[in-house]
Amino acid sequence: MSANPTLTPANGVPKKHGLGFWMDRVLEECERARQAFAADPVHDLRVALRRCRSMADGLMVMDPDPSWKQMKKAGKPLFSRLGELRDAQVMAEWIGKLGTPDDPVSLSLLHYLAGREADLKQQAAQALEQFDRRQWRKWGRSLPRRAARVRTGSAIFKHLALERWMEAYELHRQGLRNRSPVSYHRLRIGLKRFRYIVENFLPEQHQAWSDKLKELQDLLGEVHDLDVLWATAVQVNAFADHEERSRWHHRILQERNHRIETYRKTMVGKTSLWKVWRAQLPSGEDIESAALSRLRLWGSFLDPDFKHSVHVTSLALQLYDHLPDGKNSPAEKKEERDILQLAALLHDVGLSKRQKRHQKATYRLIRKLKAPLGWAPAKLSVAGTVARYHCGPLPRGGQKSLSGLTSSQRQAVAKLAGILRLANAFDADHRGRIRRLDVSQKNGFLAVAAEGYNARDRMAETIAAGRHLLEVVYRRPIVVKRSLKKAG
């Protein structure tokens, strides 16, 4: 599924592994780690857990299945306990590099860490016993199948990587400005989140960037290790006098500053890798297009008949493009059309909740969504309101879903909901029979010519009811008739 570490089978051709591989790897590493919780098995188990949890982070943005969150939550206690243990083991390694076997400070710190490590191993053992491996195996079968629905290397994952890039780059700027341990730690986390998306879902970029990403991650990780080591030494009062304290502080600062300077040489200036990475991620109109694709994919996981929703979207946009457009500017028309397109694509996601008034569930689901980069939260909210009124009671003053909207926004909601209602009625049987619509103005009414429409069909009654809101908006009757035009 991604450019993960590989195994080489008998034919000599490396085979890539994805979520299923790492889910199984977690169980294998659990058995290795439980023997003595030595440094290498602890590290390897954390790597496997981190891979699974970071893949879940990326996929749960598009797939609303609760299993992703449950899997992340199930692995968190063990991951955290192992992290604390790993920190103690890494500190011991640093003491060996910075001190000498007979150094009193080294001996004091190692003595403290030995007791700390014993306690942490016991806590890690308890967390491992509580880790539900049976449930993990079940997720190891079901979640990779869901993950397979999202193509790695796609514009969707590049868009997600851009979001992570922007978050990390802002933390980079803050880190250079503040230069505090906290700011560099936050930068490390931001860069790590960016790296995980690239590592798991963008194989081409990972192949080109992986070495430098790992190097930078290691540099910032070592800066954090040194900060933790110094804070621990101060906390346990490992220094007998001011001279020892100054000597160790100088050593730690020297190592720390060397790594920060190495980071700066790579990440600041005209040749900064930030610019290299940004150049291969979406820009301009591609950002908005990828955002819509993400939202569309999210809807496809929930909607039991997404093919119907895609067809309704096509019909709704045909109606919008042919109806009188009033005095809206080109920018306003584009925004309205975008909102209608998204509302039509997502109008039936509430069916996943199996409630009678699924349009309300649709509204709530969309309102809970975090707007992806390229889609303003207000725009997403209006799309949710339009979807809310694709069926059921008409929008009217005093309704909670309309509160907070301006007068012009309410008018737009009524118009777009009216279009969506009629488009939905044209495919009420979910058979896709009516494929092309045209609109003309005649003698004070609007005529909708529908290819495949039959006035004697049972669906004609649904269409007649579906046009009512649009008639109210345009203040004129709408007549639906069979189109005489032939396709092609």
Protein backbone atom coordinates (compact mmCIF):
# COMPACT_ATOMS: atom_id res chain seq x y z
CA MET A 1 0.00 0.00 0.00
CA SER A 2 2.92 2.33 0.53
CA ALA A 3 6.67 2.58 0.18
CA ASN A 4 7.29 0.64 3.37
CA PRO A 5 10.36 -1.48 4.25
CA THR A 6 10.32 -4.60 2.12
CA LEU A 7 11.01 -8.28 2.27
CA THR A 8 12.67 -10.04 -0.65
CA PRO A 9 10.90 -13.24 -1.72
CA ALA A 10 12.53 -16.20 -3.49
CA ASN A 11 12.26 -14.61 -6.93
CA GLY A 12 14.48 -11.74 -5.76
CA VAL A 13 11.85 -9.06 -6.42
CA PRO A 14 11.21 -6.80 -3.40
CA LYS A 15 7.59 -6.80 -2.29
CA LYS A 16 6.00 -3.71 -0.78
CA HIS A 17 3.84 -4.03 2.31
CA GLY A 18 1.00 -1.96 3.62
CA LEU A 19 -1.35 -1.78 6.55
CA GLY A 20 -1.96 -5.53 6.71
CA PHE A 21 1.78 -6.17 6.94
CA TRP A 22 2.26 -3.69 9.78
CA MET A 23 -0.82 -4.88 11.68
CA ASP A 24 0.66 -8.41 11.65
CA ARG A 25 4.09 -7.02 12.47
CA VAL A 26 2.71 -5.49 15.69
CA LEU A 27 1.68 -8.93 16.94
CA GLU A 28 5.05 -10.43 16.02
CA GLU A 29 6.96 -7.64 17.77
CA CYS A 30 4.79 -8.00 20.86
CA GLU A 31 6.18 -11.52 21.31
CA ARG A 32 9.77 -10.31 20.86
CA ALA A 33 9.41 -7.34 23.20
CA ARG A 34 7.78 -9.23 26.05
CA GLN A 35 10.88 -11.40 26.59
CA ALA A 36 12.95 -8.70 28.31
CA PHE A 37 11.79 -5.35 26.87
CA ALA A 38 15.27 -4.75 25.52
CA ALA A 39 16.01 -1.57 23.56
CA ASP A 40 15.81 -2.98 20.01
CA PRO A 41 12.55 -4.98 20.39
CA VAL A 42 10.94 -2.02 22.19
CA HIS A 43 11.99 0.26 19.34
CA ASP A 44 10.75 -2.20 16.68
CA LEU A 45 7.37 -2.62 18.37
CA ARG A 46 6.95 1.15 18.61
CA VAL A 47 7.80 1.49 14.91
CA ALA A 48 5.15 -1.09 13.97
CA LEU A 49 2.53 0.52 16.21
CA ARG A 50 3.42 3.96 14.94
CA ARG A 51 3.03 2.80 11.33
CA CYS A 52 -0.46 1.47 12.00
CA ARG A 53 -1.56 4.50 14.00
CA SER A 54 -0.15 6.98 11.47
CA MET A 55 -1.90 5.17 8.60
CA ALA A 56 -5.12 5.39 10.60
CA ASP A 57 -4.50 9.13 11.04
CA GLY A 58 -4.36 9.59 7.29
CA LEU A 59 -7.20 7.28 6.33
CA MET A 60 -9.72 8.32 8.99
CA VAL A 61 -9.76 11.80 7.41
CA MET A 62 -11.50 10.22 4.40
CA ASP A 63 -13.07 7.08 5.83
CA PRO A 64 -15.45 7.81 8.75
CA ASP A 65 -15.56 4.21 9.93
CA PRO A 66 -15.14 4.24 13.74
CA SER A 67 -12.74 1.28 13.59
CA TRP A 68 -9.87 3.60 12.66
CA LYS A 69 -10.29 5.62 15.83
CA GLN A 70 -10.80 2.48 17.89
CA MET A 71 -7.61 0.93 16.51
CA LYS A 72 -5.64 4.08 17.31
CA LYS A 73 -7.07 4.20 20.81
CA ALA A 74 -6.34 0.52 21.42
CA GLY A 75 -2.68 0.96 20.55
CA LYS A 76 -2.13 4.21 22.43
CA PRO A 77 -1.57 2.93 26.03
CA LEU A 78 1.02 0.39 24.89
CA PHE A 79 2.66 2.89 22.55
CA SER A 80 2.89 5.50 25.32
CA ARG A 81 4.32 3.10 27.91
CA LEU A 82 6.89 1.86 25.44
CA GLY A 83 7.72 5.47 24.61
CA GLU A 84 8.54 6.28 28.22
CA LEU A 85 10.69 3.17 28.43
CA ARG A 86 12.41 4.02 25.16
CA ASP A 87 13.17 7.54 26.41
CA ALA A 88 14.94 6.09 29.46
CA GLN A 89 16.92 3.68 27.29
CA VAL A 90 17.94 6.45 24.89
CA MET A 91 19.04 8.67 27.80
CA ALA A 92 21.29 5.87 29.01
CA GLU A 93 22.85 5.70 25.54
CA TRP A 94 23.48 9.45 25.56
CA ILE A 95 25.12 9.29 28.97
CA GLY A 96 27.52 6.70 27.57
CA LYS A 97 28.41 9.07 24.71
CA LEU A 98 28.77 12.24 26.78
CA GLY A 99 30.31 10.93 29.99
CA THR A 100 32.93 8.44 31.14
CA PRO A 101 32.52 5.23 33.15
CA ASP A 102 33.98 6.81 36.27
CA ASP A 103 32.24 10.19 35.91
CA PRO A 104 30.15 10.83 39.07
CA VAL A 105 27.39 12.53 37.08
CA SER A 106 27.20 9.58 34.68
CA LEU A 107 27.07 7.12 37.54
CA SER A 108 24.37 9.12 39.32
CA LEU A 109 22.21 9.39 36.21
CA LEU A 110 22.68 5.74 35.23
CA HIS A 111 21.73 4.64 38.75
CA TYR A 112 18.56 6.74 38.57
CA LEU A 113 17.72 5.44 35.08
CA ALA A 114 18.28 1.81 36.09
CA GLY A 115 15.57 2.09 38.74
CA ARG A 116 13.37 4.07 36.38
CA GLU A 117 13.80 1.52 33.61
CA ALA A 118 12.83 -1.36 35.88
CA ASP A 119 9.59 0.40 36.83
CA LEU A 120 8.85 1.29 33.21
CA LYS A 121 9.43 -2.28 32.04
CA GLN A 122 6.89 -3.46 34.58
CA GLN A 123 4.37 -0.85 33.38
CA ALA A 124 5.07 -1.81 29.75
CA ALA A 125 4.48 -5.47 30.61
CA GLN A 126 1.12 -4.59 32.15
CA ALA A 127 0.17 -2.52 29.08
CA LEU A 128 1.16 -5.42 26.83
CA GLU A 129 -1.02 -7.84 28.80
CA GLN A 130 -3.98 -5.45 28.49
CA PHE A 131 -3.42 -5.04 24.74
CA ASP A 132 -6.31 -6.86 23.01
CA ARG A 133 -4.48 -8.90 20.38
CA ARG A 134 -7.62 -10.79 19.34
CA GLN A 135 -9.37 -7.55 18.40
CA TRP A 136 -6.19 -6.35 16.71
CA ARG A 137 -6.22 -9.44 14.48
CA LYS A 138 -9.81 -8.68 13.47
CA TRP A 139 -8.87 -5.13 12.52
CA GLY A 140 -5.89 -6.60 10.69
CA ARG A 141 -8.34 -8.31 8.36
CA SER A 142 -11.02 -5.61 7.97
CA LEU A 143 -9.10 -2.33 7.89
CA PRO A 144 -6.67 -3.19 5.07
CA ARG A 145 -9.71 -3.91 2.86
CA ARG A 146 -11.07 -0.44 3.60
CA ALA A 147 -7.64 1.12 3.05
CA ALA A 148 -7.47 -0.50 -0.39
CA ARG A 149 -10.33 1.75 -1.55
CA VAL A 150 -8.00 4.76 -1.45
CA ARG A 151 -5.26 4.81 -4.07
CA THR A 152 -1.82 5.73 -2.75
CA GLY A 153 0.01 8.47 -4.59
CA SER A 154 -3.28 10.17 -5.50
CA ALA A 155 -4.05 13.89 -5.43
CA ILE A 156 -6.06 13.26 -2.26
CA PHE A 157 -2.97 12.19 -0.33
CA LYS A 158 -0.91 14.99 -1.85
CA HIS A 159 -3.56 17.39 -0.58
CA LEU A 160 -3.38 15.85 2.88
CA ALA A 161 0.43 16.08 2.76
CA LEU A 162 0.10 19.77 1.87
CA GLU A 163 -2.00 20.35 4.98
CA ARG A 164 0.67 18.64 7.07
CA TRP A 165 3.39 20.60 5.25
CA MET A 166 1.69 23.90 6.07
CA GLU A 167 1.30 22.96 9.74
CA ALA A 168 4.93 21.85 9.97
CA TYR A 169 6.25 24.89 8.12
CA GLU A 170 4.48 27.23 10.52
CA LEU A 171 6.05 25.34 13.43
CA HIS A 172 9.41 25.66 11.65
CA ARG A 173 9.01 29.43 11.55
CA GLN A 174 8.00 29.53 15.20
CA GLY A 175 10.94 27.31 16.17
CA LEU A 176 13.47 29.56 14.44
CA ARG A 177 11.90 32.59 16.07
CA ASN A 178 11.53 31.24 19.62
CA ARG A 179 14.46 28.75 19.72
CA SER A 180 13.01 27.16 22.86
CA PRO A 181 12.97 23.43 23.66
CA VAL A 182 9.16 23.48 23.46
CA SER A 183 9.12 25.09 20.01
CA TYR A 184 11.69 22.64 18.62
CA HIS A 185 9.73 19.74 20.12
CA ARG A 186 6.55 20.97 18.41
CA LEU A 187 8.46 21.33 15.15
CA ARG A 188 9.67 17.74 15.52
CA ILE A 189 6.08 16.54 15.93
CA GLY A 190 4.86 18.63 12.97
CA LEU A 191 7.64 17.36 10.70
CA LYS A 192 6.94 13.81 11.89
CA ARG A 193 3.26 14.08 10.94
CA PHE A 194 4.26 15.34 7.48
CA ARG A 195 6.79 12.54 7.13
CA TYR A 196 4.20 9.89 8.05
CA ILE A 197 1.82 10.94 5.27
CA VAL A 198 4.65 10.87 2.73
CA GLU A 199 6.04 7.61 4.12
CA ASN A 200 2.70 5.79 4.12
CA PHE A 201 0.79 7.19 1.15
CA LEU A 202 3.10 8.92 -1.37
CA PRO A 203 5.57 6.26 -2.55
CA GLU A 204 7.10 8.39 -5.31
CA GLN A 205 7.79 11.33 -3.01
CA HIS A 206 8.94 9.01 -0.23
CA GLN A 207 11.53 7.45 -2.49
CA ALA A 208 12.91 10.90 -3.34
CA TRP A 209 12.62 12.49 0.11
CA SER A 210 12.95 9.65 2.61
CA ASP A 211 16.67 9.98 3.38
CA LYS A 212 16.51 13.68 4.16
CA LEU A 213 13.22 13.39 6.03
CA LYS A 214 14.70 10.70 8.25
CA GLU A 215 17.88 12.69 8.76
CA LEU A 216 15.94 15.78 9.81
CA GLN A 217 13.66 13.73 12.02
CA ASP A 218 16.70 12.19 13.70
CA LEU A 219 18.30 15.60 14.21
CA LEU A 220 15.24 17.06 15.89
CA GLY A 221 14.73 13.83 17.82
CA GLU A 222 18.26 14.08 19.19
CA VAL A 223 17.69 17.72 20.12
CA HIS A 224 14.66 16.57 22.09
CA ASP A 225 16.65 13.71 23.68
CA LEU A 226 19.32 16.16 24.84
CA ASP A 227 16.70 18.54 26.23
CA VAL A 228 15.08 15.70 28.16
CA LEU A 229 18.48 14.51 29.41
CA TRP A 230 19.39 17.95 30.75
CA ALA A 231 15.97 18.43 32.39
CA THR A 232 16.28 14.99 34.02
CA ALA A 233 19.81 15.68 35.28
CA VAL A 234 18.63 18.94 36.85
CA GLN A 235 15.53 17.29 38.32
CA VAL A 236 17.44 14.49 40.07
CA ASN A 237 20.21 16.89 41.15
CA ALA A 238 22.94 14.77 39.55
CA PHE A 239 25.63 17.46 39.96
CA ALA A 240 27.84 17.63 43.02
CA ASP A 241 28.95 21.21 42.35
CA HIS A 242 28.65 24.14 39.95
CA GLU A 243 31.69 23.02 37.95
CA GLU A 244 30.16 19.63 37.12
CA ARG A 245 26.86 21.29 36.20
CA SER A 246 28.59 23.78 33.89
CA ARG A 247 30.70 21.06 32.24
CA TRP A 248 27.68 18.87 31.45
CA HIS A 249 25.59 21.81 30.36
CA HIS A 250 28.35 22.84 27.95
CA ARG A 251 28.59 19.32 26.50
CA ILE A 252 24.84 19.02 26.01
CA LEU A 253 24.53 22.50 24.49
CA GLN A 254 27.42 21.80 22.14
CA GLU A 255 25.76 18.63 20.82
CA ARG A 256 22.35 20.31 20.69
CA ASN A 257 23.53 23.44 18.87
CA HIS A 258 25.45 21.35 16.33
CA ARG A 259 22.25 19.55 15.38
CA ILE A 260 20.19 22.71 15.22
CA GLU A 261 22.79 24.34 12.99
CA THR A 262 22.79 21.27 10.72
CA TYR A 263 19.01 21.53 10.53
CA ARG A 264 19.18 25.24 9.68
CA LYS A 265 21.68 24.69 6.85
CA THR A 266 19.25 22.31 5.19
CA MET A 267 15.97 24.04 5.93
CA VAL A 268 16.71 27.80 5.70
CA GLY A 269 17.47 29.86 2.60
CA LYS A 270 16.95 29.60 -1.14
CA THR A 271 17.80 25.89 -1.27
CA SER A 272 15.58 24.96 1.68
CA LEU A 273 13.93 21.56 1.44
CA TRP A 274 10.67 23.21 2.46
CA LYS A 275 10.59 24.75 -1.02
CA VAL A 276 11.55 21.48 -2.72
CA TRP A 277 8.71 19.63 -1.00
CA ARG A 278 6.17 22.38 -1.57
CA ALA A 279 6.88 22.43 -5.31
CA GLN A 280 5.63 18.83 -5.66
CA LEU A 281 2.39 19.35 -3.77
CA PRO A 282 -0.90 20.83 -5.08
CA SER A 283 -1.21 24.54 -5.78
CA GLY A 284 -3.79 26.97 -7.17
CA GLU A 285 -7.03 25.43 -8.36
CA ASP A 286 -5.67 21.93 -7.76
CA ILE A 287 -5.98 22.51 -4.00
CA GLU A 288 -9.72 23.13 -4.19
CA SER A 289 -10.19 20.26 -6.63
CA ALA A 290 -8.34 17.83 -4.36
CA ALA A 291 -10.36 19.06 -1.37
CA LEU A 292 -13.58 18.26 -3.23
CA SER A 293 -12.22 14.83 -4.10
CA ARG A 294 -11.52 14.20 -0.42
CA LEU A 295 -15.05 15.18 0.55
CA ARG A 296 -16.47 13.10 -2.29
CA LEU A 297 -14.51 10.06 -1.11
CA TRP A 298 -15.73 10.62 2.45
CA GLY A 299 -19.30 10.62 1.15
CA SER A 300 -18.76 7.43 -0.84
CA PHE A 301 -17.86 5.54 2.35
CA LEU A 302 -21.19 6.52 3.96
CA ASP A 303 -23.71 6.66 1.13
CA PRO A 304 -25.26 3.21 0.42
CA ASP A 305 -25.96 4.22 -3.21
CA PHE A 306 -23.28 6.75 -4.08
CA LYS A 307 -23.81 6.12 -7.80
CA HIS A 308 -27.25 7.69 -7.39
CA SER A 309 -25.77 10.73 -5.65
CA VAL A 310 -23.21 11.19 -8.43
CA HIS A 311 -26.02 11.07 -10.99
CA VAL A 312 -28.13 13.54 -9.01
CA THR A 313 -25.10 15.84 -8.91
CA SER A 314 -24.87 15.77 -12.70
CA LEU A 315 -28.58 16.61 -13.03
CA ALA A 316 -28.37 19.37 -10.40
CA LEU A 317 -25.45 21.05 -12.15
CA GLN A 318 -27.27 20.85 -15.50
CA LEU A 319 -30.24 22.62 -13.94
CA TYR A 320 -28.05 25.25 -12.31
CA ASP A 321 -26.20 25.98 -15.54
CA HIS A 322 -29.43 26.45 -17.52
CA LEU A 323 -31.59 28.29 -14.98
CA PRO A 324 -31.70 32.13 -14.93
CA ASP A 325 -28.66 33.25 -12.89
CA GLY A 326 -29.90 36.65 -11.71
CA LYS A 327 -27.31 39.33 -10.95
CA ASN A 328 -24.61 37.19 -9.35
CA SER A 329 -20.99 37.93 -10.21
CA PRO A 330 -18.84 35.17 -11.78
CA ALA A 331 -17.19 34.55 -8.40
CA GLU A 332 -20.58 34.26 -6.67
CA LYS A 333 -21.82 31.87 -9.36
CA LYS A 334 -18.76 29.67 -8.93
CA GLU A 335 -19.22 29.54 -5.17
CA GLU A 336 -22.92 28.69 -5.51
CA ARG A 337 -22.11 25.97 -8.04
CA ASP A 338 -19.41 24.51 -5.80
CA ILE A 339 -21.81 24.43 -2.85
CA LEU A 340 -24.51 22.76 -4.93
CA GLN A 341 -22.07 20.17 -6.24
CA LEU A 342 -20.90 19.21 -2.77
CA ALA A 343 -24.42 19.22 -1.30
CA ALA A 344 -25.61 16.92 -4.09
CA LEU A 345 -22.69 14.53 -3.68
CA LEU A 346 -23.26 14.27 0.08
CA HIS A 347 -27.05 14.60 0.31
CA ASP A 348 -27.62 10.94 1.24
CA VAL A 349 -24.74 10.30 3.69
CA GLY A 350 -27.30 10.46 6.51
CA LEU A 351 -28.74 7.17 5.29
CA SER A 352 -25.78 5.51 6.99
CA LYS A 353 -27.42 6.39 10.34
CA ARG A 354 -30.62 4.49 9.37
CA GLN A 355 -32.92 7.18 10.65
CA LYS A 356 -36.31 8.10 9.23
CA ARG A 357 -35.39 11.73 8.51
CA HIS A 358 -32.00 11.02 7.07
CA GLN A 359 -31.63 14.59 5.77
CA LYS A 360 -31.14 15.78 9.35
CA ALA A 361 -28.47 13.15 9.93
CA THR A 362 -26.81 14.32 6.71
CA TYR A 363 -26.77 17.88 8.01
CA ARG A 364 -25.21 16.85 11.32
CA LEU A 365 -22.53 14.70 9.67
CA ILE A 366 -21.46 17.49 7.33
CA ARG A 367 -21.49 20.07 10.12
CA LYS A 368 -19.07 17.91 12.14
CA LEU A 369 -16.58 17.71 9.28
CA LYS A 370 -13.37 19.71 9.48
CA ALA A 371 -13.15 21.77 6.30
CA PRO A 372 -10.18 20.57 4.22
CA LEU A 373 -7.63 23.05 2.91
CA GLY A 374 -9.22 24.95 0.01
CA TRP A 375 -12.76 24.86 1.41
CA ALA A 376 -13.80 27.60 3.81
CA PRO A 377 -15.68 26.29 6.88
CA ALA A 378 -18.58 28.66 6.12
CA LYS A 379 -18.85 27.27 2.58
CA LEU A 380 -18.94 23.70 3.88
CA SER A 381 -21.58 24.69 6.43
CA VAL A 382 -23.84 26.17 3.75
CA ALA A 383 -23.44 23.00 1.65
CA GLY A 384 -24.60 21.00 4.67
CA THR A 385 -27.66 23.21 5.03
CA VAL A 386 -28.52 22.80 1.34
CA ALA A 387 -28.22 19.02 1.71
CA ARG A 388 -30.47 19.25 4.79
CA TYR A 389 -33.34 20.51 2.62
CA HIS A 390 -32.99 18.14 -0.33
CA CYS A 391 -36.21 16.52 0.93
CA GLY A 392 -38.69 16.85 3.78
CA PRO A 393 -40.07 20.17 5.10
CA LEU A 394 -39.21 23.33 3.18
CA PRO A 395 -36.71 25.84 4.60
CA ARG A 396 -38.43 28.60 6.50
CA GLY A 397 -37.64 31.27 9.08
CA GLY A 398 -37.01 30.20 12.65
CA GLN A 399 -35.45 26.85 11.81
CA LYS A 400 -32.24 26.13 13.73
CA SER A 401 -30.32 25.05 10.65
CA LEU A 402 -30.87 28.50 9.09
CA SER A 403 -29.87 30.50 12.16
CA GLY A 404 -26.67 32.46 11.73
CA LEU A 405 -27.07 32.73 7.96
CA THR A 406 -27.33 36.11 6.28
CA SER A 407 -30.37 37.01 4.19
CA SER A 408 -28.44 36.40 0.96
CA GLN A 409 -27.20 33.04 2.24
CA ARG A 410 -30.74 31.97 3.09
CA GLN A 411 -31.86 32.91 -0.40
CA ALA A 412 -28.99 30.90 -1.86
CA VAL A 413 -29.87 27.91 0.34
CA ALA A 414 -33.49 28.00 -0.84
CA LYS A 415 -32.45 28.23 -4.50
CA LEU A 416 -29.84 25.48 -4.33
CA ALA A 417 -32.05 23.22 -2.21
CA GLY A 418 -34.83 23.71 -4.76
CA ILE A 419 -32.49 22.64 -7.56
CA LEU A 420 -31.30 19.65 -5.55
CA ARG A 421 -34.86 18.56 -4.73
CA LEU A 422 -35.86 18.57 -8.36
CA ALA A 423 -32.65 16.82 -9.47
CA ASN A 424 -33.18 14.18 -6.80
CA ALA A 425 -36.77 13.67 -7.95
CA PHE A 426 -35.57 13.06 -11.51
CA ASP A 427 -33.71 9.99 -10.18
CA ALA A 428 -36.20 8.98 -7.50
CA ASP A 429 -36.08 5.35 -8.61
CA HIS A 430 -32.24 5.31 -8.56
CA ARG A 431 -32.18 3.85 -12.07
CA GLY A 432 -30.49 6.76 -13.86
CA ARG A 433 -33.04 6.84 -16.69
CA ILE A 434 -33.15 10.64 -17.01
CA ARG A 435 -29.68 11.73 -18.02
CA ARG A 436 -29.97 15.13 -19.69
CA LEU A 437 -31.90 18.27 -18.74
CA ASP A 438 -32.44 21.57 -20.48
CA VAL A 439 -34.26 24.70 -19.28
CA SER A 440 -35.97 27.44 -21.25
CA GLN A 441 -38.15 30.44 -20.36
CA LYS A 442 -41.54 30.69 -22.06
CA ASN A 443 -44.49 33.00 -21.43
CA GLY A 444 -43.83 33.48 -17.73
CA PHE A 445 -42.93 29.90 -16.85
CA LEU A 446 -39.82 27.72 -16.87
CA ALA A 447 -39.82 24.66 -19.08
CA VAL A 448 -37.56 21.74 -18.13
CA ALA A 449 -37.01 19.31 -20.96
CA ALA A 450 -35.92 15.94 -19.57
CA GLU A 451 -34.56 13.22 -21.78
CA GLY A 452 -36.25 9.96 -20.78
CA TYR A 453 -39.14 11.63 -18.92
CA ASN A 454 -42.59 10.07 -19.19
CA ALA A 455 -45.59 12.00 -17.83
CA ARG A 456 -47.45 8.73 -17.25
CA ASP A 457 -44.64 7.19 -15.26
CA ARG A 458 -45.09 6.78 -11.50
CA MET A 459 -42.01 8.95 -10.99
CA ALA A 460 -43.80 11.93 -12.61
CA GLU A 461 -45.74 12.51 -9.39
CA THR A 462 -42.49 12.70 -7.39
CA ILE A 463 -41.06 15.13 -9.93
CA ALA A 464 -44.17 17.30 -9.71
CA ALA A 465 -43.72 17.55 -5.92
CA GLY A 466 -39.96 18.07 -6.28
CA ARG A 467 -40.32 21.22 -8.37
CA HIS A 468 -42.37 23.14 -5.76
CA LEU A 469 -39.53 24.85 -3.84
CA LEU A 470 -37.88 25.97 -7.07
CA GLU A 471 -41.20 27.45 -8.23
CA VAL A 472 -41.39 29.43 -4.97
CA VAL A 473 -37.82 30.70 -5.43
CA TYR A 474 -38.31 31.77 -9.06
CA ARG A 475 -41.94 32.86 -8.51
CA ARG A 476 -43.14 31.17 -11.64
CA PRO A 477 -44.50 27.76 -12.62
CA ILE A 478 -42.16 25.01 -13.81
CA VAL A 479 -43.36 22.69 -16.52
CA VAL A 480 -41.56 19.38 -17.05
CA LYS A 481 -41.78 17.77 -20.44
CA ARG A 482 -40.11 15.04 -22.42
CA SER A 483 -37.06 16.15 -24.36
CA LEU A 484 -37.21 15.58 -28.09
CA LYS A 485 -33.43 15.85 -28.44
CA LYS A 486 -31.49 12.67 -29.00
CA ALA A 487 -28.34 11.87 -27.07
CA GLY A 488 -25.04 12.40 -28.90
